C-alpha atoms as a PDB file:
ATOM      1  CA  UNK A   1     318.687 127.125  59.398  1.00  0.00           C
ATOM      2  CA  UNK A   2     321.306 128.091  61.958  1.00  0.00           C
ATOM      3  CA  UNK A   3     320.931 126.841  65.550  1.00  0.00           C
ATOM      4  CA  UNK A   4     319.786 129.424  68.082  1.00  0.00           C
ATOM      5  CA  UNK A   5     322.301 130.656  70.661  1.00  0.00           C
ATOM      6  CA  UNK A   6     321.932 132.988  73.612  1.00  0.00           C
ATOM      7  CA  UNK A   7     324.875 135.112  74.693  1.00  0.00           C
ATOM      8  CA  UNK A   8     324.179 136.563  78.137  1.00  0.00           C
ATOM      9  CA  UNK A   9     327.383 138.504  78.750  1.00  0.00           C
ATOM     10  CA  UNK A  10     328.990 141.457  76.989  1.00  0.00           C
ATOM     11  CA  UNK A  11     331.597 140.173  74.530  1.00  0.00           C
ATOM     12  CA  UNK A  12     333.994 141.706  72.044  1.00  0.00           C
ATOM     13  CA  UNK A  13     332.569 142.287  68.546  1.00  0.00           C
ATOM     14  CA  UNK A  14     335.001 139.733  67.092  1.00  0.00           C
ATOM     15  CA  UNK A  15     333.669 137.028  69.447  1.00  0.00           C
ATOM     16  CA  UNK A  16     330.080 137.921  68.646  1.00  0.00           C
ATOM     17  CA  UNK A  17     330.812 137.791  64.900  1.00  0.00           C
ATOM     18  CA  UNK A  18     332.603 134.448  65.249  1.00  0.00           C
ATOM     19  CA  UNK A  19     329.579 132.860  66.926  1.00  0.00           C
ATOM     20  CA  UNK A  20     327.158 134.508  64.505  1.00  0.00           C
ATOM     21  CA  UNK A  21     328.877 132.734  61.624  1.00  0.00           C
ATOM     22  CA  UNK A  22     327.306 129.467  62.781  1.00  0.00           C
ATOM     23  CA  UNK A  23     324.439 130.559  65.028  1.00  0.00           C
ATOM     24  CA  UNK A  24     321.428 132.846  65.141  1.00  0.00           C
ATOM     25  CA  UNK A  25     322.333 134.864  68.226  1.00  0.00           C
ATOM     26  CA  UNK A  26     320.097 136.489  70.829  1.00  0.00           C
ATOM     27  CA  UNK A  27     322.388 138.874  72.655  1.00  0.00           C
ATOM     28  CA  UNK A  28     321.964 140.106  76.238  1.00  0.00           C
ATOM     29  CA  UNK A  29     324.898 142.245  77.393  1.00  0.00           C
ATOM     30  CA  UNK A  30     323.873 141.402  80.942  1.00  0.00           C
ATOM     31  CA  UNK A  31     320.974 139.786  82.762  1.00  0.00           C
ATOM     32  CA  UNK A  32     318.936 141.687  85.323  1.00  0.00           C
ATOM     33  CA  UNK A  33     315.350 142.109  86.469  1.00  0.00           C
ATOM     34  CA  UNK A  34     314.526 144.209  83.407  1.00  0.00           C
ATOM     35  CA  UNK A  35     315.204 141.444  80.874  1.00  0.00           C
ATOM     36  CA  UNK A  36     315.002 138.179  82.776  1.00  0.00           C
ATOM     37  CA  UNK A  37     311.534 137.298  81.472  1.00  0.00           C
ATOM     38  CA  UNK A  38     312.695 137.917  77.907  1.00  0.00           C
ATOM     39  CA  UNK A  39     315.712 135.722  78.566  1.00  0.00           C
ATOM     40  CA  UNK A  40     313.488 132.876  79.805  1.00  0.00           C
ATOM     41  CA  UNK A  41     311.255 133.247  76.766  1.00  0.00           C
ATOM     42  CA  UNK A  42     314.246 132.973  74.431  1.00  0.00           C
ATOM     43  CA  UNK A  43     315.491 129.927  76.342  1.00  0.00           C
ATOM     44  CA  UNK A  44     312.488 127.868  75.238  1.00  0.00           C
ATOM     45  CA  UNK A  45     314.000 127.082  71.849  1.00  0.00           C
ATOM     46  CA  UNK A  46     317.673 127.916  72.425  1.00  0.00           C
ATOM     47  CA  UNK A  47     320.280 125.259  71.696  1.00  0.00           C
ATOM     48  CA  UNK A  48     323.262 127.020  73.233  1.00  0.00           C
ATOM     49  CA  UNK A  49     324.109 129.273  76.205  1.00  0.00           C
ATOM     50  CA  UNK A  50     327.282 131.356  76.228  1.00  0.00           C
ATOM     51  CA  UNK A  51     328.486 133.504  79.144  1.00  0.00           C
ATOM     52  CA  UNK A  52     329.565 133.224  82.762  1.00  0.00           C
ATOM     53  CA  UNK A  53     328.121 133.396  86.243  1.00  0.00           C
ATOM     54  CA  UNK A  54     324.589 132.228  85.443  1.00  0.00           C
ATOM     55  CA  UNK A  55     323.397 129.380  87.647  1.00  0.00           C
ATOM     56  CA  UNK A  56     322.517 126.584  85.258  1.00  0.00           C
ATOM     57  CA  UNK A  57     320.719 123.915  87.246  1.00  0.00           C
ATOM     58  CA  UNK A  58     317.791 121.560  86.853  1.00  0.00           C
ATOM     59  CA  UNK A  59     315.284 124.386  87.338  1.00  0.00           C
ATOM     60  CA  UNK A  60     316.795 126.454  84.527  1.00  0.00           C
ATOM     61  CA  UNK A  61     317.101 123.420  82.289  1.00  0.00           C
ATOM     62  CA  UNK A  62     313.339 122.894  82.583  1.00  0.00           C
ATOM     63  CA  UNK A  63     313.006 126.179  80.715  1.00  0.00           C
ATOM     64  CA  UNK A  64     315.442 125.077  77.985  1.00  0.00           C
ATOM     65  CA  UNK A  65     314.308 121.720  76.566  1.00  0.00           C
ATOM     66  CA  UNK A  66     316.340 122.063  73.341  1.00  0.00           C
ATOM     67  CA  UNK A  67     319.644 123.045  74.952  1.00  0.00           C
ATOM     68  CA  UNK A  68     322.718 121.128  73.768  1.00  0.00           C
ATOM     69  CA  UNK A  69     325.679 123.124  75.143  1.00  0.00           C
ATOM     70  CA  UNK A  70     326.559 125.597  77.896  1.00  0.00           C
ATOM     71  CA  UNK A  71     329.901 127.377  77.447  1.00  0.00           C
ATOM     72  CA  UNK A  72     331.273 128.993  80.607  1.00  0.00           C
ATOM     73  CA  UNK A  73     333.801 131.821  80.145  1.00  0.00           C
ATOM     74  CA  UNK A  74     335.641 130.750  83.290  1.00  0.00           C
ATOM     75  CA  UNK A  75     337.870 127.994  84.560  1.00  0.00           C
ATOM     76  CA  UNK A  76     335.599 127.646  87.594  1.00  0.00           C
ATOM     77  CA  UNK A  77     332.219 126.072  86.964  1.00  0.00           C
ATOM     78  CA  UNK A  78     330.517 125.939  90.350  1.00  0.00           C
ATOM     79  CA  UNK A  79     327.611 127.785  88.697  1.00  0.00           C
ATOM     80  CA  UNK A  80     326.986 124.742  86.487  1.00  0.00           C
ATOM     81  CA  UNK A  81     325.155 121.680  87.769  1.00  0.00           C
ATOM     82  CA  UNK A  82     327.196 119.285  85.662  1.00  0.00           C
ATOM     83  CA  UNK A  83     325.269 116.132  86.701  1.00  0.00           C
ATOM     84  CA  UNK A  84     321.963 117.814  85.773  1.00  0.00           C
ATOM     85  CA  UNK A  85     323.411 118.928  82.437  1.00  0.00           C
ATOM     86  CA  UNK A  86     324.754 115.440  81.796  1.00  0.00           C
ATOM     87  CA  UNK A  87     321.416 113.817  82.621  1.00  0.00           C
ATOM     88  CA  UNK A  88     319.824 115.934  79.907  1.00  0.00           C
ATOM     89  CA  UNK A  89     322.598 115.313  77.390  1.00  0.00           C
ATOM     90  CA  UNK A  90     323.837 118.902  77.516  1.00  0.00           C
ATOM     91  CA  UNK A  91     327.539 119.556  77.041  1.00  0.00           C
ATOM     92  CA  UNK A  92     329.245 121.717  79.694  1.00  0.00           C
ATOM     93  CA  UNK A  93     332.513 123.503  78.943  1.00  0.00           C
ATOM     94  CA  UNK A  94     334.945 125.849  80.686  1.00  0.00           C
ATOM     95  CA  UNK A  95     338.238 127.625  79.900  1.00  0.00           C
ATOM     96  CA  UNK A  96     341.153 125.967  81.715  1.00  0.00           C
ATOM     97  CA  UNK A  97     344.842 126.744  81.192  1.00  0.00           C
ATOM     98  CA  UNK A  98     344.581 130.121  79.444  1.00  0.00           C
ATOM     99  CA  UNK A  99     344.408 131.947  82.780  1.00  0.00           C
ATOM    100  CA  UNK A 100     346.914 129.913  84.810  1.00  0.00           C
ATOM    101  CA  UNK A 101     349.822 132.318  84.550  1.00  0.00           C
ATOM    102  CA  UNK A 102     347.755 135.455  85.105  1.00  0.00           C
ATOM    103  CA  UNK A 103     346.011 134.099  88.201  1.00  0.00           C
ATOM    104  CA  UNK A 104     349.354 132.901  89.585  1.00  0.00           C
ATOM    105  CA  UNK A 105     350.743 136.422  89.108  1.00  0.00           C
ATOM    106  CA  UNK A 106     347.756 137.814  91.002  1.00  0.00           C
ATOM    107  CA  UNK A 107     348.215 135.448  93.927  1.00  0.00           C
ATOM    108  CA  UNK A 108     351.927 136.232  94.260  1.00  0.00           C
ATOM    109  CA  UNK A 109     350.988 139.916  94.170  1.00  0.00           C
ATOM    110  CA  UNK A 110     348.337 139.397  96.832  1.00  0.00           C
ATOM    111  CA  UNK A 111     350.808 137.618  99.092  1.00  0.00           C
ATOM    112  CA  UNK A 112     353.356 140.406  98.664  1.00  0.00           C
ATOM    113  CA  UNK A 113     350.753 143.128  99.190  1.00  0.00           C
ATOM    114  CA  UNK A 114     349.573 141.463 102.382  1.00  0.00           C
ATOM    115  CA  UNK A 115     353.033 140.685 103.761  1.00  0.00           C
ATOM    116  CA  UNK A 116     354.431 144.142 103.054  1.00  0.00           C
ATOM    117  CA  UNK A 117     351.163 145.926 103.940  1.00  0.00           C
ATOM    118  CA  UNK A 118     351.222 147.742 100.616  1.00  0.00           C
ATOM    119  CA  UNK A 119     347.559 148.910 100.456  1.00  0.00           C
ATOM    120  CA  UNK A 120     347.656 150.101 104.073  1.00  0.00           C
ATOM    121  CA  UNK A 121     350.896 152.026 103.645  1.00  0.00           C
ATOM    122  CA  UNK A 122     349.815 153.407 100.287  1.00  0.00           C
ATOM    123  CA  UNK A 123     346.880 155.015 102.078  1.00  0.00           C
ATOM    124  CA  UNK A 124     349.208 156.306 104.793  1.00  0.00           C
ATOM    125  CA  UNK A 125     351.124 158.253 102.162  1.00  0.00           C
ATOM    126  CA  UNK A 126     348.073 159.449 100.235  1.00  0.00           C
ATOM    127  CA  UNK A 127     346.286 160.619 103.376  1.00  0.00           C
ATOM    128  CA  UNK A 128     349.212 162.821 104.362  1.00  0.00           C
ATOM    129  CA  UNK A 129     349.928 160.818 107.513  1.00  0.00           C
ATOM    130  CA  UNK A 130     353.488 159.857 106.529  1.00  0.00           C
ATOM    131  CA  UNK A 131     355.220 162.485 108.612  1.00  0.00           C
ATOM    132  CA  UNK A 132     358.208 160.574 110.002  1.00  0.00           C
ATOM    133  CA  UNK A 133     360.116 157.296 109.737  1.00  0.00           C
ATOM    134  CA  UNK A 134     357.910 154.245 110.055  1.00  0.00           C
ATOM    135  CA  UNK A 135     357.755 152.631 113.469  1.00  0.00           C
ATOM    136  CA  UNK A 136     358.381 148.879 113.782  1.00  0.00           C
ATOM    137  CA  UNK A 137     354.645 148.436 114.405  1.00  0.00           C
ATOM    138  CA  UNK A 138     354.110 149.415 110.773  1.00  0.00           C
ATOM    139  CA  UNK A 139     356.722 147.062 109.324  1.00  0.00           C
ATOM    140  CA  UNK A 140     355.778 144.154 107.106  1.00  0.00           C
ATOM    141  CA  UNK A 141     357.297 140.678 106.960  1.00  0.00           C
ATOM    142  CA  UNK A 142     359.543 138.979 104.413  1.00  0.00           C
ATOM    143  CA  UNK A 143     358.154 136.556 101.891  1.00  0.00           C
ATOM    144  CA  UNK A 144     361.422 135.248 100.491  1.00  0.00           C
ATOM    145  CA  UNK A 145     362.815 131.989 101.881  1.00  0.00           C
ATOM    146  CA  UNK A 146     359.673 131.311 103.900  1.00  0.00           C
ATOM    147  CA  UNK A 147     357.453 128.211 103.676  1.00  0.00           C
ATOM    148  CA  UNK A 148     354.464 128.412 101.356  1.00  0.00           C
ATOM    149  CA  UNK A 149     351.611 125.955 101.760  1.00  0.00           C
ATOM    150  CA  UNK A 150     349.394 125.537  98.685  1.00  0.00           C
ATOM    151  CA  UNK A 151     346.018 123.877  99.157  1.00  0.00           C
ATOM    152  CA  UNK A 152     344.986 122.653  95.713  1.00  0.00           C
ATOM    153  CA  UNK A 153     347.957 121.824  93.517  1.00  0.00           C
ATOM    154  CA  UNK A 154     346.287 122.011  90.120  1.00  0.00           C
ATOM    155  CA  UNK A 155     347.618 123.939  87.152  1.00  0.00           C
ATOM    156  CA  UNK A 156     347.317 127.322  88.862  1.00  0.00           C
ATOM    157  CA  UNK A 157     348.750 125.978  92.106  1.00  0.00           C
ATOM    158  CA  UNK A 158     351.736 124.636  90.165  1.00  0.00           C
ATOM    159  CA  UNK A 159     352.250 128.030  88.502  1.00  0.00           C
ATOM    160  CA  UNK A 160     352.255 129.672  91.938  1.00  0.00           C
ATOM    161  CA  UNK A 161     354.725 127.083  93.231  1.00  0.00           C
ATOM    162  CA  UNK A 162     357.049 127.784  90.297  1.00  0.00           C
ATOM    163  CA  UNK A 163     357.109 131.511  91.039  1.00  0.00           C
ATOM    164  CA  UNK A 164     357.535 130.992  94.762  1.00  0.00           C
ATOM    165  CA  UNK A 165     360.330 128.445  94.378  1.00  0.00           C
ATOM    166  CA  UNK A 166     362.426 130.141  91.701  1.00  0.00           C
ATOM    167  CA  UNK A 167     361.526 133.750  92.403  1.00  0.00           C
ATOM    168  CA  UNK A 168     361.486 133.800  96.191  1.00  0.00           C
ATOM    169  CA  UNK A 169     363.420 130.714  97.243  1.00  0.00           C
ATOM    170  CA  UNK A 170     360.422 129.442  99.170  1.00  0.00           C
ATOM    171  CA  UNK A 171     359.983 125.967 100.573  1.00  0.00           C
ATOM    172  CA  UNK A 172     356.761 124.468  99.155  1.00  0.00           C
ATOM    173  CA  UNK A 173     354.268 122.304 101.018  1.00  0.00           C
ATOM    174  CA  UNK A 174     351.049 121.244  99.337  1.00  0.00           C
ATOM    175  CA  UNK A 175     347.783 119.450  99.918  1.00  0.00           C
ATOM    176  CA  UNK A 176     345.860 117.974  97.017  1.00  0.00           C
ATOM    177  CA  UNK A 177     343.413 115.174  96.308  1.00  0.00           C
ATOM    178  CA  UNK A 178     346.376 113.211  94.959  1.00  0.00           C
ATOM    179  CA  UNK A 179     350.131 113.632  94.811  1.00  0.00           C
ATOM    180  CA  UNK A 180     351.622 115.749  92.055  1.00  0.00           C
ATOM    181  CA  UNK A 181     355.027 114.254  91.399  1.00  0.00           C
ATOM    182  CA  UNK A 182     355.739 116.795  88.690  1.00  0.00           C
ATOM    183  CA  UNK A 183     355.748 119.705  91.148  1.00  0.00           C
ATOM    184  CA  UNK A 184     357.652 117.625  93.668  1.00  0.00           C
ATOM    185  CA  UNK A 185     360.419 117.016  91.164  1.00  0.00           C
ATOM    186  CA  UNK A 186     360.408 120.491  89.629  1.00  0.00           C
ATOM    187  CA  UNK A 187     360.040 122.674  92.729  1.00  0.00           C
ATOM    188  CA  UNK A 188     360.972 120.421  95.644  1.00  0.00           C
ATOM    189  CA  UNK A 189     357.369 120.491  96.861  1.00  0.00           C
ATOM    190  CA  UNK A 190     356.387 118.243  99.762  1.00  0.00           C
ATOM    191  CA  UNK A 191     353.008 116.502  99.926  1.00  0.00           C
ATOM    192  CA  UNK A 192     351.421 116.647 103.381  1.00  0.00           C
ATOM    193  CA  UNK A 193     348.139 116.605 105.261  1.00  0.00           C
ATOM    194  CA  UNK A 194     346.016 119.725 105.614  1.00  0.00           C
ATOM    195  CA  UNK A 195     346.785 119.860 109.332  1.00  0.00           C
ATOM    196  CA  UNK A 196     350.532 119.642 108.748  1.00  0.00           C
ATOM    197  CA  UNK A 197     350.351 122.354 106.121  1.00  0.00           C
ATOM    198  CA  UNK A 198     348.404 124.682 108.414  1.00  0.00           C
ATOM    199  CA  UNK A 199     350.836 124.107 111.271  1.00  0.00           C
ATOM    200  CA  UNK A 200     354.061 124.527 109.298  1.00  0.00           C
ATOM    201  CA  UNK A 201     353.453 127.102 106.562  1.00  0.00           C
ATOM    202  CA  UNK A 202     354.266 130.802 106.882  1.00  0.00           C
ATOM    203  CA  UNK A 203     352.063 131.618 103.891  1.00  0.00           C
ATOM    204  CA  UNK A 204     348.968 129.582 103.027  1.00  0.00           C
ATOM    205  CA  UNK A 205     347.360 129.868  99.597  1.00  0.00           C
ATOM    206  CA  UNK A 206     343.952 128.295  98.958  1.00  0.00           C
ATOM    207  CA  UNK A 207     343.340 127.290  95.316  1.00  0.00           C
ATOM    208  CA  UNK A 208     340.705 124.520  95.377  1.00  0.00           C
ATOM    209  CA  UNK A 209     337.572 124.338  93.216  1.00  0.00           C
ATOM    210  CA  UNK A 210     334.288 124.925  95.024  1.00  0.00           C
ATOM    211  CA  UNK A 211     332.588 121.581  95.634  1.00  0.00           C
ATOM    212  CA  UNK A 212     330.546 120.223  98.549  1.00  0.00           C
ATOM    213  CA  UNK A 213     333.688 118.817 100.257  1.00  0.00           C
ATOM    214  CA  UNK A 214     335.582 122.135  99.894  1.00  0.00           C
ATOM    215  CA  UNK A 215     332.755 124.405 101.076  1.00  0.00           C
ATOM    216  CA  UNK A 216     334.064 126.164 104.213  1.00  0.00           C
ATOM    217  CA  UNK A 217     337.147 123.962 104.020  1.00  0.00           C
ATOM    218  CA  UNK A 218     339.052 126.532 106.068  1.00  0.00           C
ATOM    219  CA  UNK A 219     337.362 127.517 109.319  1.00  0.00           C
ATOM    220  CA  UNK A 220     337.972 128.017 113.026  1.00  0.00           C
ATOM    221  CA  UNK A 221     339.799 124.716 113.427  1.00  0.00           C
ATOM    222  CA  UNK A 222     342.209 125.328 110.552  1.00  0.00           C
ATOM    223  CA  UNK A 223     342.927 128.939 111.545  1.00  0.00           C
ATOM    224  CA  UNK A 224     343.591 127.686 115.067  1.00  0.00           C
ATOM    225  CA  UNK A 225     346.280 125.356 113.725  1.00  0.00           C
ATOM    226  CA  UNK A 226     348.099 128.130 111.855  1.00  0.00           C
ATOM    227  CA  UNK A 227     351.047 130.075 113.190  1.00  0.00           C
ATOM    228  CA  UNK A 228     350.251 133.437 114.758  1.00  0.00           C
ATOM    229  CA  UNK A 229     352.660 134.855 112.167  1.00  0.00           C
ATOM    230  CA  UNK A 230     350.927 133.108 109.242  1.00  0.00           C
ATOM    231  CA  UNK A 231     349.479 134.935 106.243  1.00  0.00           C
ATOM    232  CA  UNK A 232     346.471 133.343 104.546  1.00  0.00           C
ATOM    233  CA  UNK A 233     345.314 134.164 101.006  1.00  0.00           C
ATOM    234  CA  UNK A 234     342.364 132.857  99.025  1.00  0.00           C
ATOM    235  CA  UNK A 235     342.235 132.750  95.226  1.00  0.00           C
ATOM    236  CA  UNK A 236     339.670 129.972  94.819  1.00  0.00           C
ATOM    237  CA  UNK A 237     336.067 130.806  95.666  1.00  0.00           C
ATOM    238  CA  UNK A 238     334.744 132.779  98.626  1.00  0.00           C
ATOM    239  CA  UNK A 239     332.625 129.917  99.937  1.00  0.00           C
ATOM    240  CA  UNK A 240     335.691 127.694 100.446  1.00  0.00           C
ATOM    241  CA  UNK A 241     336.406 129.778 103.566  1.00  0.00           C
ATOM    242  CA  UNK A 242     334.218 130.348 106.607  1.00  0.00           C
ATOM    243  CA  UNK A 243     334.363 134.141 106.424  1.00  0.00           C
ATOM    244  CA  UNK A 244     333.114 134.590 109.991  1.00  0.00           C
ATOM    245  CA  UNK A 245     335.933 132.356 111.192  1.00  0.00           C
ATOM    246  CA  UNK A 246     338.426 134.409 109.172  1.00  0.00           C
ATOM    247  CA  UNK A 247     337.177 137.596 110.846  1.00  0.00           C
ATOM    248  CA  UNK A 248     337.653 136.002 114.257  1.00  0.00           C
ATOM    249  CA  UNK A 249     341.125 134.725 113.384  1.00  0.00           C
ATOM    250  CA  UNK A 250     342.246 138.196 112.298  1.00  0.00           C
ATOM    251  CA  UNK A 251     340.632 140.020 115.198  1.00  0.00           C
ATOM    252  CA  UNK A 252     341.971 137.591 117.796  1.00  0.00           C
ATOM    253  CA  UNK A 253     345.514 137.433 116.426  1.00  0.00           C
ATOM    254  CA  UNK A 254     345.315 133.752 115.517  1.00  0.00           C
ATOM    255  CA  UNK A 255     347.000 134.671 112.218  1.00  0.00           C
ATOM    256  CA  UNK A 256     348.958 137.773 111.254  1.00  0.00           C
ATOM    257  CA  UNK A 257     347.077 138.848 108.140  1.00  0.00           C
ATOM    258  CA  UNK A 258     345.030 137.661 105.195  1.00  0.00           C
ATOM    259  CA  UNK A 259     344.242 138.559 101.611  1.00  0.00           C
ATOM    260  CA  UNK A 260     341.443 137.487  99.325  1.00  0.00           C
ATOM    261  CA  UNK A 261     340.403 137.900  95.712  1.00  0.00           C
ATOM    262  CA  UNK A 262     337.037 136.241  96.304  1.00  0.00           C
ATOM    263  CA  UNK A 263     334.018 136.492  98.579  1.00  0.00           C
ATOM    264  CA  UNK A 264     331.050 134.254  99.323  1.00  0.00           C
ATOM    265  CA  UNK A 265     328.815 137.036  97.973  1.00  0.00           C
ATOM    266  CA  UNK A 266     330.078 139.067  95.042  1.00  0.00           C
ATOM    267  CA  UNK A 267     330.090 142.013  94.838  1.00  0.00           C
ATOM    268  CA  UNK A 268     330.759 141.993  98.565  1.00  0.00           C
ATOM    269  CA  UNK A 269     328.462 143.904 100.911  1.00  0.00           C
ATOM    270  CA  UNK A 270     330.197 147.207 101.809  1.00  0.00           C
ATOM    271  CA  UNK A 271     329.371 146.501 105.477  1.00  0.00           C
ATOM    272  CA  UNK A 272     331.158 143.138 105.490  1.00  0.00           C
ATOM    273  CA  UNK A 273     333.366 143.022 108.626  1.00  0.00           C
ATOM    274  CA  UNK A 274     336.396 141.849 106.640  1.00  0.00           C
ATOM    275  CA  UNK A 275     336.508 145.219 104.887  1.00  0.00           C
ATOM    276  CA  UNK A 276     337.142 147.105 108.125  1.00  0.00           C
ATOM    277  CA  UNK A 277     340.142 145.065 109.247  1.00  0.00           C
ATOM    278  CA  UNK A 278     343.559 146.701 108.708  1.00  0.00           C
ATOM    279  CA  UNK A 279     345.295 143.318 108.394  1.00  0.00           C
ATOM    280  CA  UNK A 280     343.031 142.216 105.542  1.00  0.00           C
ATOM    281  CA  UNK A 281     343.782 142.934 101.857  1.00  0.00           C
ATOM    282  CA  UNK A 282     340.767 142.676  99.556  1.00  0.00           C
ATOM    283  CA  UNK A 283     340.538 142.460  95.755  1.00  0.00           C
ATOM    284  CA  UNK A 284     337.405 142.434  93.551  1.00  0.00           C
ATOM    285  CA  UNK A 285     337.924 139.002  91.939  1.00  0.00           C
ATOM    286  CA  UNK A 286     340.625 140.165  89.524  1.00  0.00           C
ATOM    287  CA  UNK A 287     342.592 136.906  89.258  1.00  0.00           C
ATOM    288  CA  UNK A 288     342.243 136.663  85.478  1.00  0.00           C
ATOM    289  CA  UNK A 289     341.374 140.318  84.892  1.00  0.00           C
ATOM    290  CA  UNK A 290     343.876 141.400  82.290  1.00  0.00           C
ATOM    291  CA  UNK A 291     342.816 142.389  78.806  1.00  0.00           C
ATOM    292  CA  UNK A 292     344.959 139.711  77.185  1.00  0.00           C
ATOM    293  CA  UNK A 293     343.732 136.886  79.398  1.00  0.00           C
ATOM    294  CA  UNK A 294     340.044 137.804  79.283  1.00  0.00           C
ATOM    295  CA  UNK A 295     340.207 137.957  75.487  1.00  0.00           C
ATOM    296  CA  UNK A 296     341.898 134.554  75.379  1.00  0.00           C
ATOM    297  CA  UNK A 297     339.269 133.097  77.722  1.00  0.00           C
ATOM    298  CA  UNK A 298     336.404 134.441  75.614  1.00  0.00           C
ATOM    299  CA  UNK A 299     337.988 133.117  72.427  1.00  0.00           C
ATOM    300  CA  UNK A 300     338.515 129.664  73.959  1.00  0.00           C
ATOM    301  CA  UNK A 301     334.936 129.616  75.264  1.00  0.00           C
ATOM    302  CA  UNK A 302     333.674 130.628  71.826  1.00  0.00           C
ATOM    303  CA  UNK A 303     335.669 127.862  70.155  1.00  0.00           C
ATOM    304  CA  UNK A 304     334.197 125.350  72.607  1.00  0.00           C
ATOM    305  CA  UNK A 305     330.740 126.734  71.911  1.00  0.00           C
ATOM    306  CA  UNK A 306     330.945 126.646  68.137  1.00  0.00           C
ATOM    307  CA  UNK A 307     332.232 123.069  68.134  1.00  0.00           C
ATOM    308  CA  UNK A 308     329.369 121.976  70.383  1.00  0.00           C
ATOM    309  CA  UNK A 309     326.778 123.788  68.292  1.00  0.00           C
ATOM    310  CA  UNK A 310     328.151 121.997  65.234  1.00  0.00           C
ATOM    311  CA  UNK A 311     327.680 118.649  66.951  1.00  0.00           C
ATOM    312  CA  UNK A 312     331.397 118.161  67.590  1.00  0.00           C
ATOM    313  CA  UNK A 313     333.245 117.603  70.858  1.00  0.00           C
ATOM    314  CA  UNK A 314     334.556 120.828  72.423  1.00  0.00           C
ATOM    315  CA  UNK A 315     338.170 120.867  73.605  1.00  0.00           C
ATOM    316  CA  UNK A 316     337.342 121.647  77.260  1.00  0.00           C
ATOM    317  CA  UNK A 317     334.319 119.419  77.787  1.00  0.00           C
ATOM    318  CA  UNK A 318     333.584 118.859  81.477  1.00  0.00           C
ATOM    319  CA  UNK A 319     331.380 115.798  80.896  1.00  0.00           C
ATOM    320  CA  UNK A 320     333.457 114.406  78.027  1.00  0.00           C
ATOM    321  CA  UNK A 321     333.333 110.770  79.141  1.00  0.00           C
ATOM    322  CA  UNK A 322     329.554 110.647  78.658  1.00  0.00           C
ATOM    323  CA  UNK A 323     329.637 112.028  75.135  1.00  0.00           C
ATOM    324  CA  UNK A 324     332.652 109.979  74.058  1.00  0.00           C
ATOM    325  CA  UNK A 325     330.870 106.801  75.149  1.00  0.00           C
ATOM    326  CA  UNK A 326     327.763 107.895  73.345  1.00  0.00           C
END
């Protein structure tokens, strides 16, 4: 008898077929109030969960006593309570690396769009208000040969640093839990404190995972340290920034402009004050949203999932040390 798996996100037919080769699959294209009770009922004897965004914590695990693996179609895994999963002997996996280049492209694009005011000026043209030469008040700022500060120099941070260094001749500062000598040697990056980075950088890019220490990592104090000409962009998670503090910083001219691909609540409330600010560029969490990358992420997640369901160690196992020791 095949083990029972629940897929709770719409996937390509090839991914569904791949998992069905080794599992009996219960397939929910999405979870909402109309099918949540059915989902919980199916959880009672499910051995695997495959999808993204679902909060998998101790309370959910109580409903899934036979669970052996959760495969997250995402590099971020703040929706997974990894200690709770580990305590119950459940493998937790994610999809690192396959999205590094695509997310780095997005963040460079977000910095350029913010610095050159591309969305704002696009609307100027489309609304028929471009009737004469632009005034200096509508000019953007250069990105090339400026100083970029990257908070979180992981794989994606390093890919951003590479583009900034070779493509734009930027000086790179970075803050990380530990030094990354590889990026220092390759891109001339300088390791510094968070305060020094905020004070010296012209562009600041936040790329940390969401954890208790990084929740609201950037707030009033940090924005107050930044240059009035600084541009801040966030590609990590919305909750790593105090959004109210960001509104104040933009309204009060503490920084020049900001861009974000993430919000504390997603989809964002249409009445959110950030959406009304002209010096704020907003994206709907599109960092990895290309067809090629999303397909690669789903395939990687499926490979992790199938290995775990077969009793083998997945490639991207977040709690690997526990299962290797076992």
